[in-house]
C-alpha atoms as a PDB file:
ATOM      1  CA  UNK A   1    -157.876 185.969-155.522  1.00  0.00           C
ATOM      2  CA  UNK A   2    -159.026 183.098-153.192  1.00  0.00           C
ATOM      3  CA  UNK A   3    -156.364 181.036-151.669  1.00  0.00           C
ATOM      4  CA  UNK A   4    -157.769 177.426-151.272  1.00  0.00           C
ATOM      5  CA  UNK A   5    -155.133 175.461-149.319  1.00  0.00           C
ATOM      6  CA  UNK A   6    -155.537 171.932-148.589  1.00  0.00           C
ATOM      7  CA  UNK A   7    -153.217 170.709-145.865  1.00  0.00           C
ATOM      8  CA  UNK A   8    -151.518 167.338-145.829  1.00  0.00           C
ATOM      9  CA  UNK A   9    -149.177 167.301-142.800  1.00  0.00           C
ATOM     10  CA  UNK A  10    -146.660 164.640-142.142  1.00  0.00           C
ATOM     11  CA  UNK A  11    -143.649 164.230-139.767  1.00  0.00           C
ATOM     12  CA  UNK A  12    -140.313 162.577-140.330  1.00  0.00           C
ATOM     13  CA  UNK A  13    -138.920 161.013-137.199  1.00  0.00           C
ATOM     14  CA  UNK A  14    -135.331 162.258-137.103  1.00  0.00           C
ATOM     15  CA  UNK A  15    -133.537 161.821-134.023  1.00  0.00           C
ATOM     16  CA  UNK A  16    -132.352 165.774-132.881  1.00  0.00           C
ATOM     17  CA  UNK A  17    -129.928 163.872-130.942  1.00  0.00           C
ATOM     18  CA  UNK A  18    -127.741 163.963-133.866  1.00  0.00           C
ATOM     19  CA  UNK A  19    -124.988 166.469-134.064  1.00  0.00           C
ATOM     20  CA  UNK A  20    -125.893 169.256-136.254  1.00  0.00           C
ATOM     21  CA  UNK A  21    -122.709 170.322-137.993  1.00  0.00           C
ATOM     22  CA  UNK A  22    -124.002 172.820-140.216  1.00  0.00           C
ATOM     23  CA  UNK A  23    -123.134 176.499-140.022  1.00  0.00           C
ATOM     24  CA  UNK A  24    -126.597 177.931-140.488  1.00  0.00           C
ATOM     25  CA  UNK A  25    -125.218 181.591-140.677  1.00  0.00           C
ATOM     26  CA  UNK A  26    -123.652 180.900-143.871  1.00  0.00           C
ATOM     27  CA  UNK A  27    -126.065 181.663-146.788  1.00  0.00           C
ATOM     28  CA  UNK A  28    -124.932 178.979-149.243  1.00  0.00           C
ATOM     29  CA  UNK A  29    -127.999 176.938-150.099  1.00  0.00           C
ATOM     30  CA  UNK A  30    -128.329 173.618-148.563  1.00  0.00           C
ATOM     31  CA  UNK A  31    -130.281 170.365-149.360  1.00  0.00           C
ATOM     32  CA  UNK A  32    -133.272 168.717-147.398  1.00  0.00           C
ATOM     33  CA  UNK A  33    -130.828 165.639-147.372  1.00  0.00           C
ATOM     34  CA  UNK A  34    -128.409 167.749-145.419  1.00  0.00           C
ATOM     35  CA  UNK A  35    -130.999 168.790-142.807  1.00  0.00           C
ATOM     36  CA  UNK A  36    -132.240 165.229-142.271  1.00  0.00           C
ATOM     37  CA  UNK A  37    -128.665 164.124-141.791  1.00  0.00           C
ATOM     38  CA  UNK A  38    -128.084 166.920-139.135  1.00  0.00           C
ATOM     39  CA  UNK A  39    -131.053 165.918-137.235  1.00  0.00           C
ATOM     40  CA  UNK A  40    -133.987 168.507-138.209  1.00  0.00           C
ATOM     41  CA  UNK A  41    -137.748 167.475-137.954  1.00  0.00           C
ATOM     42  CA  UNK A  42    -139.802 167.565-141.120  1.00  0.00           C
ATOM     43  CA  UNK A  43    -142.990 168.811-141.740  1.00  0.00           C
ATOM     44  CA  UNK A  44    -145.134 169.409-144.965  1.00  0.00           C
ATOM     45  CA  UNK A  45    -148.284 170.546-146.778  1.00  0.00           C
ATOM     46  CA  UNK A  46    -149.379 170.933-149.856  1.00  0.00           C
ATOM     47  CA  UNK A  47    -151.278 174.172-151.070  1.00  0.00           C
ATOM     48  CA  UNK A  48    -153.816 174.245-153.925  1.00  0.00           C
ATOM     49  CA  UNK A  49    -154.834 177.632-155.365  1.00  0.00           C
ATOM     50  CA  UNK A  50    -158.235 177.795-157.081  1.00  0.00           C
ATOM     51  CA  UNK A  51    -158.714 179.717-160.205  1.00  0.00           C
ATOM     52  CA  UNK A  52    -161.864 181.028-158.792  1.00  0.00           C
ATOM     53  CA  UNK A  53    -163.745 181.333-162.185  1.00  0.00           C
ATOM     54  CA  UNK A  54    -166.931 179.592-160.691  1.00  0.00           C
ATOM     55  CA  UNK A  55    -167.159 177.820-163.915  1.00  0.00           C
ATOM     56  CA  UNK A  56    -165.277 174.691-163.275  1.00  0.00           C
ATOM     57  CA  UNK A  57    -162.985 172.982-160.924  1.00  0.00           C
ATOM     58  CA  UNK A  58    -159.989 174.082-162.462  1.00  0.00           C
ATOM     59  CA  UNK A  59    -156.748 174.268-160.281  1.00  0.00           C
ATOM     60  CA  UNK A  60    -154.515 177.236-160.950  1.00  0.00           C
ATOM     61  CA  UNK A  61    -151.570 176.327-159.108  1.00  0.00           C
ATOM     62  CA  UNK A  62    -150.199 173.099-156.767  1.00  0.00           C
ATOM     63  CA  UNK A  63    -147.232 173.926-154.415  1.00  0.00           C
ATOM     64  CA  UNK A  64    -145.512 171.448-151.888  1.00  0.00           C
ATOM     65  CA  UNK A  65    -143.806 172.974-148.979  1.00  0.00           C
ATOM     66  CA  UNK A  66    -141.416 171.040-147.077  1.00  0.00           C
ATOM     67  CA  UNK A  67    -140.400 172.691-143.657  1.00  0.00           C
ATOM     68  CA  UNK A  68    -137.263 171.663-141.682  1.00  0.00           C
ATOM     69  CA  UNK A  69    -136.861 172.941-137.964  1.00  0.00           C
ATOM     70  CA  UNK A  70    -134.904 172.144-134.935  1.00  0.00           C
ATOM     71  CA  UNK A  71    -138.187 172.157-133.059  1.00  0.00           C
ATOM     72  CA  UNK A  72    -139.660 168.750-132.185  1.00  0.00           C
ATOM     73  CA  UNK A  73    -143.291 168.050-133.177  1.00  0.00           C
ATOM     74  CA  UNK A  74    -146.510 168.077-130.648  1.00  0.00           C
ATOM     75  CA  UNK A  75    -150.013 167.113-131.198  1.00  0.00           C
ATOM     76  CA  UNK A  76    -152.338 170.198-131.024  1.00  0.00           C
ATOM     77  CA  UNK A  77    -156.031 170.654-129.653  1.00  0.00           C
ATOM     78  CA  UNK A  78    -157.245 169.500-133.355  1.00  0.00           C
ATOM     79  CA  UNK A  79    -155.169 166.357-133.105  1.00  0.00           C
ATOM     80  CA  UNK A  80    -152.698 167.666-135.744  1.00  0.00           C
ATOM     81  CA  UNK A  81    -148.774 167.092-135.721  1.00  0.00           C
ATOM     82  CA  UNK A  82    -147.258 170.528-135.622  1.00  0.00           C
ATOM     83  CA  UNK A  83    -144.064 172.072-134.234  1.00  0.00           C
ATOM     84  CA  UNK A  84    -143.976 172.651-130.786  1.00  0.00           C
ATOM     85  CA  UNK A  85    -145.988 175.739-129.641  1.00  0.00           C
ATOM     86  CA  UNK A  86    -143.555 178.670-128.904  1.00  0.00           C
ATOM     87  CA  UNK A  87    -145.719 181.889-129.346  1.00  0.00           C
ATOM     88  CA  UNK A  88    -149.289 182.979-128.608  1.00  0.00           C
ATOM     89  CA  UNK A  89    -150.260 181.322-125.445  1.00  0.00           C
ATOM     90  CA  UNK A  90    -153.108 183.656-124.976  1.00  0.00           C
ATOM     91  CA  UNK A  91    -155.542 180.997-124.962  1.00  0.00           C
ATOM     92  CA  UNK A  92    -153.464 178.124-123.331  1.00  0.00           C
ATOM     93  CA  UNK A  93    -153.219 177.153-119.723  1.00  0.00           C
ATOM     94  CA  UNK A  94    -150.122 178.218-117.734  1.00  0.00           C
ATOM     95  CA  UNK A  95    -148.974 174.810-117.201  1.00  0.00           C
ATOM     96  CA  UNK A  96    -148.435 174.141-121.314  1.00  0.00           C
ATOM     97  CA  UNK A  97    -146.991 177.685-121.497  1.00  0.00           C
ATOM     98  CA  UNK A  98    -144.213 177.235-118.934  1.00  0.00           C
ATOM     99  CA  UNK A  99    -143.266 173.628-120.073  1.00  0.00           C
ATOM    100  CA  UNK A 100    -142.879 174.715-123.849  1.00  0.00           C
ATOM    101  CA  UNK A 101    -141.101 177.937-122.701  1.00  0.00           C
ATOM    102  CA  UNK A 102    -138.717 176.055-120.741  1.00  0.00           C
ATOM    103  CA  UNK A 103    -138.283 173.763-124.031  1.00  0.00           C
ATOM    104  CA  UNK A 104    -137.319 176.941-125.988  1.00  0.00           C
ATOM    105  CA  UNK A 105    -134.927 177.753-123.142  1.00  0.00           C
ATOM    106  CA  UNK A 106    -133.358 174.843-122.092  1.00  0.00           C
ATOM    107  CA  UNK A 107    -133.517 172.349-125.046  1.00  0.00           C
ATOM    108  CA  UNK A 108    -133.418 174.919-127.821  1.00  0.00           C
ATOM    109  CA  UNK A 109    -131.080 177.366-126.093  1.00  0.00           C
ATOM    110  CA  UNK A 110    -133.582 180.228-126.936  1.00  0.00           C
ATOM    111  CA  UNK A 111    -132.601 179.596-130.873  1.00  0.00           C
ATOM    112  CA  UNK A 112    -135.216 178.414-133.527  1.00  0.00           C
ATOM    113  CA  UNK A 113    -133.911 177.434-137.038  1.00  0.00           C
ATOM    114  CA  UNK A 114    -136.407 176.877-139.783  1.00  0.00           C
ATOM    115  CA  UNK A 115    -136.176 176.416-143.627  1.00  0.00           C
ATOM    116  CA  UNK A 116    -138.807 176.040-146.082  1.00  0.00           C
ATOM    117  CA  UNK A 117    -138.470 174.449-149.493  1.00  0.00           C
ATOM    118  CA  UNK A 118    -141.242 175.083-152.113  1.00  0.00           C
ATOM    119  CA  UNK A 119    -141.667 172.432-154.804  1.00  0.00           C
ATOM    120  CA  UNK A 120    -137.910 171.021-153.613  1.00  0.00           C
ATOM    121  CA  UNK A 121    -136.119 174.529-153.924  1.00  0.00           C
ATOM    122  CA  UNK A 122    -135.115 176.227-151.105  1.00  0.00           C
ATOM    123  CA  UNK A 123    -137.284 179.361-150.599  1.00  0.00           C
ATOM    124  CA  UNK A 124    -136.335 180.963-147.174  1.00  0.00           C
ATOM    125  CA  UNK A 125    -134.324 180.204-143.945  1.00  0.00           C
ATOM    126  CA  UNK A 126    -134.787 181.800-140.569  1.00  0.00           C
ATOM    127  CA  UNK A 127    -132.814 181.942-137.543  1.00  0.00           C
ATOM    128  CA  UNK A 128    -134.601 183.384-134.411  1.00  0.00           C
ATOM    129  CA  UNK A 129    -132.088 184.033-131.615  1.00  0.00           C
ATOM    130  CA  UNK A 130    -134.464 185.078-128.955  1.00  0.00           C
ATOM    131  CA  UNK A 131    -131.690 185.416-126.330  1.00  0.00           C
ATOM    132  CA  UNK A 132    -128.320 185.342-127.193  1.00  0.00           C
ATOM    133  CA  UNK A 133    -126.190 183.164-124.990  1.00  0.00           C
ATOM    134  CA  UNK A 134    -122.187 183.652-125.118  1.00  0.00           C
ATOM    135  CA  UNK A 135    -121.705 180.310-123.863  1.00  0.00           C
ATOM    136  CA  UNK A 136    -123.152 178.746-127.001  1.00  0.00           C
ATOM    137  CA  UNK A 137    -120.173 178.665-129.420  1.00  0.00           C
ATOM    138  CA  UNK A 138    -122.402 177.615-132.430  1.00  0.00           C
ATOM    139  CA  UNK A 139    -124.309 180.793-132.053  1.00  0.00           C
ATOM    140  CA  UNK A 140    -122.495 183.607-133.273  1.00  0.00           C
ATOM    141  CA  UNK A 141    -123.212 187.222-131.364  1.00  0.00           C
ATOM    142  CA  UNK A 142    -124.940 189.456-134.209  1.00  0.00           C
ATOM    143  CA  UNK A 143    -126.760 191.989-132.068  1.00  0.00           C
ATOM    144  CA  UNK A 144    -125.163 194.711-133.459  1.00  0.00           C
ATOM    145  CA  UNK A 145    -123.645 195.988-136.781  1.00  0.00           C
ATOM    146  CA  UNK A 146    -120.038 195.894-135.654  1.00  0.00           C
ATOM    147  CA  UNK A 147    -120.366 192.493-134.452  1.00  0.00           C
ATOM    148  CA  UNK A 148    -122.349 191.271-137.530  1.00  0.00           C
ATOM    149  CA  UNK A 149    -119.602 192.627-139.885  1.00  0.00           C
ATOM    150  CA  UNK A 150    -116.830 191.148-137.494  1.00  0.00           C
ATOM    151  CA  UNK A 151    -118.170 187.829-137.515  1.00  0.00           C
ATOM    152  CA  UNK A 152    -118.405 187.459-141.360  1.00  0.00           C
ATOM    153  CA  UNK A 153    -114.998 189.150-141.663  1.00  0.00           C
ATOM    154  CA  UNK A 154    -113.434 186.803-139.030  1.00  0.00           C
ATOM    155  CA  UNK A 155    -114.624 183.913-141.056  1.00  0.00           C
ATOM    156  CA  UNK A 156    -113.752 185.277-144.512  1.00  0.00           C
ATOM    157  CA  UNK A 157    -117.029 185.475-146.014  1.00  0.00           C
ATOM    158  CA  UNK A 158    -118.004 188.472-147.891  1.00  0.00           C
ATOM    159  CA  UNK A 159    -120.479 191.193-146.630  1.00  0.00           C
ATOM    160  CA  UNK A 160    -121.723 194.378-147.266  1.00  0.00           C
ATOM    161  CA  UNK A 161    -124.538 196.482-145.895  1.00  0.00           C
ATOM    162  CA  UNK A 162    -127.337 197.512-148.053  1.00  0.00           C
ATOM    163  CA  UNK A 163    -128.941 200.751-147.495  1.00  0.00           C
ATOM    164  CA  UNK A 164    -132.541 200.370-148.544  1.00  0.00           C
ATOM    165  CA  UNK A 165    -136.130 200.022-147.272  1.00  0.00           C
ATOM    166  CA  UNK A 166    -135.915 200.085-143.666  1.00  0.00           C
ATOM    167  CA  UNK A 167    -132.086 199.669-143.483  1.00  0.00           C
ATOM    168  CA  UNK A 168    -130.169 202.754-142.778  1.00  0.00           C
ATOM    169  CA  UNK A 169    -126.596 203.809-142.074  1.00  0.00           C
ATOM    170  CA  UNK A 170    -127.120 204.043-138.523  1.00  0.00           C
ATOM    171  CA  UNK A 171    -128.896 200.803-138.341  1.00  0.00           C
ATOM    172  CA  UNK A 172    -128.545 198.572-141.374  1.00  0.00           C
ATOM    173  CA  UNK A 173    -130.774 195.469-141.225  1.00  0.00           C
ATOM    174  CA  UNK A 174    -130.132 194.514-144.898  1.00  0.00           C
ATOM    175  CA  UNK A 175    -126.700 192.681-145.743  1.00  0.00           C
ATOM    176  CA  UNK A 176    -125.232 191.068-148.843  1.00  0.00           C
ATOM    177  CA  UNK A 177    -123.630 187.843-147.426  1.00  0.00           C
ATOM    178  CA  UNK A 178    -121.729 185.770-149.893  1.00  0.00           C
ATOM    179  CA  UNK A 179    -123.769 187.150-152.870  1.00  0.00           C
ATOM    180  CA  UNK A 180    -127.317 186.574-151.190  1.00  0.00           C
ATOM    181  CA  UNK A 181    -129.305 189.214-149.510  1.00  0.00           C
ATOM    182  CA  UNK A 182    -130.273 188.655-146.026  1.00  0.00           C
ATOM    183  CA  UNK A 183    -132.196 190.478-143.356  1.00  0.00           C
ATOM    184  CA  UNK A 184    -130.953 190.737-139.863  1.00  0.00           C
ATOM    185  CA  UNK A 185    -133.115 192.626-137.302  1.00  0.00           C
ATOM    186  CA  UNK A 186    -131.219 192.967-134.216  1.00  0.00           C
ATOM    187  CA  UNK A 187    -131.152 194.548-130.506  1.00  0.00           C
ATOM    188  CA  UNK A 188    -128.244 194.926-128.763  1.00  0.00           C
ATOM    189  CA  UNK A 189    -130.472 195.958-125.552  1.00  0.00           C
ATOM    190  CA  UNK A 190    -132.518 192.965-125.550  1.00  0.00           C
ATOM    191  CA  UNK A 191    -129.680 190.830-126.874  1.00  0.00           C
ATOM    192  CA  UNK A 192    -131.558 189.133-129.756  1.00  0.00           C
ATOM    193  CA  UNK A 193    -131.945 188.987-133.570  1.00  0.00           C
ATOM    194  CA  UNK A 194    -133.401 187.385-136.559  1.00  0.00           C
ATOM    195  CA  UNK A 195    -131.615 186.256-139.562  1.00  0.00           C
ATOM    196  CA  UNK A 196    -133.802 185.842-142.646  1.00  0.00           C
ATOM    197  CA  UNK A 197    -132.651 184.979-146.448  1.00  0.00           C
ATOM    198  CA  UNK A 198    -135.425 184.507-149.008  1.00  0.00           C
ATOM    199  CA  UNK A 199    -133.745 182.548-151.993  1.00  0.00           C
ATOM    200  CA  UNK A 200    -136.323 183.046-154.473  1.00  0.00           C
ATOM    201  CA  UNK A 201    -136.917 186.569-154.411  1.00  0.00           C
ATOM    202  CA  UNK A 202    -133.967 187.830-152.420  1.00  0.00           C
ATOM    203  CA  UNK A 203    -136.017 190.452-150.322  1.00  0.00           C
ATOM    204  CA  UNK A 204    -139.670 189.523-148.881  1.00  0.00           C
ATOM    205  CA  UNK A 205    -139.503 188.873-145.121  1.00  0.00           C
ATOM    206  CA  UNK A 206    -142.094 186.815-143.713  1.00  0.00           C
ATOM    207  CA  UNK A 207    -142.547 186.568-139.587  1.00  0.00           C
ATOM    208  CA  UNK A 208    -142.836 182.725-139.544  1.00  0.00           C
ATOM    209  CA  UNK A 209    -143.355 182.505-135.893  1.00  0.00           C
ATOM    210  CA  UNK A 210    -146.943 182.946-136.462  1.00  0.00           C
ATOM    211  CA  UNK A 211    -147.025 180.519-139.306  1.00  0.00           C
ATOM    212  CA  UNK A 212    -145.187 177.648-137.631  1.00  0.00           C
ATOM    213  CA  UNK A 213    -144.925 178.112-134.257  1.00  0.00           C
ATOM    214  CA  UNK A 214    -148.316 179.001-132.815  1.00  0.00           C
ATOM    215  CA  UNK A 215    -149.744 175.893-132.314  1.00  0.00           C
ATOM    216  CA  UNK A 216    -150.760 174.829-135.677  1.00  0.00           C
ATOM    217  CA  UNK A 217    -149.399 175.272-139.288  1.00  0.00           C
ATOM    218  CA  UNK A 218    -150.520 178.046-141.320  1.00  0.00           C
ATOM    219  CA  UNK A 219    -150.900 176.437-144.596  1.00  0.00           C
ATOM    220  CA  UNK A 220    -150.673 179.680-146.672  1.00  0.00           C
ATOM    221  CA  UNK A 221    -149.735 179.535-150.548  1.00  0.00           C
ATOM    222  CA  UNK A 222    -146.852 181.955-151.181  1.00  0.00           C
ATOM    223  CA  UNK A 223    -146.873 184.152-154.133  1.00  0.00           C
ATOM    224  CA  UNK A 224    -143.055 185.031-153.851  1.00  0.00           C
END
């Protein structure tokens, strides 16, 4: 089935100087308004799926996607507003790469927070901690099974490792956290982790770095 997606990308200018008071490591769903109030940048597009019967121009489905991020916007080579490029610098000059990586390290503290809504319903959330900084008290250390369990037990949130797919007893990556299935890929050696919750189907994981932070917006139509 051919995926025809039309991109209408807009930016809501909300100052990220606002103090972010949300604990993003809780899995309770939050609203777009919550994110706006806490200084998140807003990006959006509309994806149109053609029925591909080649008989008429019937549209099978239309979906509106609203993404909220702590990453500020930049204008890419095509003149489009998109989140600041943080990956895939193969075809970029070294000056831009250094500037953007410095922004990631110094202003974002190596932490990227992303929420996606589909037709105004929360779809997924990802928190990418590229390098854990123990000086940042807003970001917990979730770089091992023991640290993950300890964090949620300390804040009195129910958590249970689930042993399915790639999750094993020695290396559990799937957890039921406060009745929401979440995936945590972690590395104590590299001092990093990725935290992902899919609110629509409870399982499918997307590597959103490619979709949102590679110097463009990949305007895909999600089927689940």
